[in-house]
C-alpha atoms as a PDB file:
ATOM      1  CA  MET A   1      81.776 -26.347-136.183  1.00  0.00           C
ATOM      2  CA  VAL A   2      83.705 -26.109-133.400  1.00  0.00           C
ATOM      3  CA  ARG A   3      82.853 -29.619-131.988  1.00  0.00           C
ATOM      4  CA  ARG A   4      83.450 -31.136-135.361  1.00  0.00           C
ATOM      5  CA  LEU A   5      87.200 -29.487-135.530  1.00  0.00           C
ATOM      6  CA  PRO A   6      89.264 -32.587-134.190  1.00  0.00           C
ATOM      7  CA  GLN A   7      87.027 -34.899-136.836  1.00  0.00           C
ATOM      8  CA  LEU A   8      87.845 -32.535-139.709  1.00  0.00           C
ATOM      9  CA  VAL A   9      91.405 -31.987-138.828  1.00  0.00           C
ATOM     10  CA  SER A  10      91.626 -36.033-138.400  1.00  0.00           C
ATOM     11  CA  THR A  11      90.014 -36.593-141.808  1.00  0.00           C
ATOM     12  CA  LEU A  12      92.303 -34.279-143.501  1.00  0.00           C
ATOM     13  CA  CYS A  13      95.414 -35.875-142.019  1.00  0.00           C
ATOM     14  CA  ARG A  14      94.083 -39.339-142.880  1.00  0.00           C
ATOM     15  CA  ARG A  15      93.529 -38.207-146.714  1.00  0.00           C
ATOM     16  CA  LEU A  16      97.096 -36.309-146.793  1.00  0.00           C
ATOM     17  CA  LEU A  17      98.785 -39.210-145.347  1.00  0.00           C
ATOM     18  CA  LEU A  18      97.214 -41.932-147.891  1.00  0.00           C
ATOM     19  CA  ARG A  19      98.083 -39.698-150.844  1.00  0.00           C
ATOM     20  CA  THR A  20     101.556 -39.335-149.724  1.00  0.00           C
ATOM     21  CA  VAL A  21     101.869 -43.311-149.153  1.00  0.00           C
ATOM     22  CA  HIS A  22     100.173 -43.947-152.391  1.00  0.00           C
ATOM     23  CA  SER A  23     102.035 -41.556-154.635  1.00  0.00           C
ATOM     24  CA  ALA A  24     103.711 -43.310-157.623  1.00  0.00           C
ATOM     25  CA  PRO A  25     107.542 -43.180-156.931  1.00  0.00           C
ATOM     26  CA  SER A  26     107.837 -40.693-160.391  1.00  0.00           C
ATOM     27  CA  TRP A  27     105.868 -38.229-158.068  1.00  0.00           C
ATOM     28  CA  TRP A  28     108.866 -37.970-156.180  1.00  0.00           C
ATOM     29  CA  GLU A  29     111.749 -37.503-158.648  1.00  0.00           C
ATOM     30  CA  ALA A  30     112.057 -33.863-158.281  1.00  0.00           C
ATOM     31  CA  THR A  31     112.820 -33.918-154.901  1.00  0.00           C
ATOM     32  CA  ALA A  32     116.614 -35.046-155.528  1.00  0.00           C
ATOM     33  CA  GLY A  33     116.902 -31.745-157.176  1.00  0.00           C
ATOM     34  CA  VAL A  34     115.822 -29.905-154.105  1.00  0.00           C
ATOM     35  CA  VAL A  35     116.902 -32.096-151.176  1.00  0.00           C
ATOM     36  CA  GLY A  36     120.769 -33.840-151.192  1.00  0.00           C
ATOM     37  CA  GLU A  37     120.013 -36.445-148.882  1.00  0.00           C
ATOM     38  CA  VAL A  38     116.973 -37.794-147.005  1.00  0.00           C
ATOM     39  CA  LEU A  39     116.596 -39.972-143.414  1.00  0.00           C
ATOM     40  CA  ILE A  40     113.390 -41.613-143.426  1.00  0.00           C
ATOM     41  CA  TRP A  41     113.014 -43.058-139.652  1.00  0.00           C
ATOM     42  CA  GLY A  42     110.243 -45.393-138.155  1.00  0.00           C
ATOM     43  CA  GLY A  43     110.041 -47.461-134.806  1.00  0.00           C
ATOM     44  CA  SER A  44     109.108 -51.290-135.051  1.00  0.00           C
ATOM     45  CA  TYR A  45     106.268 -50.402-132.561  1.00  0.00           C
ATOM     46  CA  GLU A  46     104.938 -47.635-134.591  1.00  0.00           C
ATOM     47  CA  ILE A  47     101.565 -47.562-135.259  1.00  0.00           C
ATOM     48  CA  LEU A  48     101.979 -46.300-138.932  1.00  0.00           C
ATOM     49  CA  LEU A  49     104.802 -48.293-139.776  1.00  0.00           C
ATOM     50  CA  ASP A  50     103.417 -50.347-142.550  1.00  0.00           C
ATOM     51  CA  GLY A  51     102.808 -46.683-144.387  1.00  0.00           C
ATOM     52  CA  ILE A  52     106.145 -45.504-143.295  1.00  0.00           C
ATOM     53  CA  GLU A  53     107.602 -48.617-145.068  1.00  0.00           C
ATOM     54  CA  GLU A  54     105.399 -48.225-148.094  1.00  0.00           C
ATOM     55  CA  PHE A  55     106.203 -44.511-148.233  1.00  0.00           C
ATOM     56  CA  ALA A  56     110.022 -45.101-148.043  1.00  0.00           C
ATOM     57  CA  HIS A  57     109.931 -47.738-150.543  1.00  0.00           C
ATOM     58  CA  ARG A  58     108.224 -45.478-152.978  1.00  0.00           C
ATOM     59  CA  PHE A  59     110.260 -42.545-152.320  1.00  0.00           C
ATOM     60  CA  LYS A  60     113.673 -44.258-152.506  1.00  0.00           C
ATOM     61  CA  LYS A  61     112.512 -45.828-155.952  1.00  0.00           C
ATOM     62  CA  GLY A  62     111.581 -42.359-157.228  1.00  0.00           C
ATOM     63  CA  TYR A  63     114.251 -40.380-155.799  1.00  0.00           C
ATOM     64  CA  GLY A  64     115.835 -38.985-159.239  1.00  0.00           C
ATOM     65  CA  GLY A  65     117.416 -42.651-159.559  1.00  0.00           C
ATOM     66  CA  SER A  66     119.458 -41.397-156.652  1.00  0.00           C
ATOM     67  CA  GLY A  67     118.280 -44.194-153.991  1.00  0.00           C
ATOM     68  CA  GLU A  68     121.464 -44.637-152.264  1.00  0.00           C
ATOM     69  CA  LYS A  69     121.011 -40.814-150.985  1.00  0.00           C
ATOM     70  CA  VAL A  70     117.792 -42.031-149.129  1.00  0.00           C
ATOM     71  CA  THR A  71     118.748 -43.766-145.619  1.00  0.00           C
ATOM     72  CA  ILE A  72     116.042 -45.876-144.200  1.00  0.00           C
ATOM     73  CA  VAL A  73     116.150 -46.422-140.533  1.00  0.00           C
ATOM     74  CA  ILE A  74     113.603 -48.942-138.648  1.00  0.00           C
ATOM     75  CA  THR A  75     114.748 -49.051-135.170  1.00  0.00           C
ATOM     76  CA  ASP A  76     113.603 -52.331-132.974  1.00  0.00           C
ATOM     77  CA  LYS A  77     111.051 -51.715-130.405  1.00  0.00           C
ATOM     78  CA  ALA A  78     110.791 -48.248-130.967  1.00  0.00           C
ATOM     79  CA  ALA A  79     107.632 -46.079-131.042  1.00  0.00           C
ATOM     80  CA  HIS A  80     106.352 -43.036-132.726  1.00  0.00           C
ATOM     81  CA  GLU A  81     108.251 -39.998-132.080  1.00  0.00           C
ATOM     82  CA  GLU A  82     110.419 -41.760-129.217  1.00  0.00           C
ATOM     83  CA  MET A  83     113.623 -39.661-129.574  1.00  0.00           C
ATOM     84  CA  VAL A  84     111.163 -36.425-128.982  1.00  0.00           C
ATOM     85  CA  VAL A  85     109.102 -37.770-126.081  1.00  0.00           C
ATOM     86  CA  GLU A  86     112.136 -39.096-124.228  1.00  0.00           C
ATOM     87  CA  ARG A  87     113.615 -35.573-124.516  1.00  0.00           C
ATOM     88  CA  MET A  88     110.334 -33.856-123.184  1.00  0.00           C
ATOM     89  CA  LEU A  89     110.316 -36.403-120.344  1.00  0.00           C
ATOM     90  CA  GLY A  90     113.913 -35.537-119.431  1.00  0.00           C
ATOM     91  CA  TYR A  91     115.573 -39.046-119.899  1.00  0.00           C
ATOM     92  CA  LYS A  92     119.442 -39.056-119.343  1.00  0.00           C
ATOM     93  CA  GLN A  93     120.218 -41.652-121.655  1.00  0.00           C
ATOM     94  CA  LYS A  94     119.836 -41.548-125.585  1.00  0.00           C
ATOM     95  CA  SER A  95     117.519 -44.225-127.366  1.00  0.00           C
ATOM     96  CA  GLU A  96     118.881 -46.269-130.199  1.00  0.00           C
ATOM     97  CA  SER A  97     116.447 -43.933-132.051  1.00  0.00           C
ATOM     98  CA  ALA A  98     118.083 -40.646-130.787  1.00  0.00           C
ATOM     99  CA  ARG A  99     121.482 -42.160-131.980  1.00  0.00           C
ATOM    100  CA  ALA A 100     120.670 -42.944-135.106  1.00  0.00           C
ATOM    101  CA  VAL A 101     118.845 -39.749-136.007  1.00  0.00           C
ATOM    102  CA  GLU A 102     121.909 -37.901-134.395  1.00  0.00           C
ATOM    103  CA  ASP A 103     124.657 -39.884-136.085  1.00  0.00           C
ATOM    104  CA  TRP A 104     122.921 -39.620-139.350  1.00  0.00           C
ATOM    105  CA  VAL A 105     122.812 -35.686-138.963  1.00  0.00           C
ATOM    106  CA  LYS A 106     126.276 -35.465-137.711  1.00  0.00           C
ATOM    107  CA  ALA A 107     127.660 -37.442-140.850  1.00  0.00           C
ATOM    108  CA  LYS A 108     126.301 -34.834-142.676  1.00  0.00           C
ATOM    109  CA  LEU A 109     127.980 -31.921-141.184  1.00  0.00           C
END
């Protein structure tokens, strides 16, 4: 069982991701009553970029008719969780990804 745990976790994650990506826009309508604004970020070198873009399209369409409150940012030449990894590695300069996320958050405060 312990040996199969990584495979089980991987399978569960894949299934959850596919359900999220393929959910009808109407599935996300109630989100607008809970969350005021949403940022969906991805990098152009993201291995999951197709899924992120599909999710973003469906989410924005279904977001209670308030699609203008959904910001979608795809940063050129950026990889998965780039802004997190650069902080962990101690990079002094912020990437375009980090600046995009920080600017969005600052604009909301």
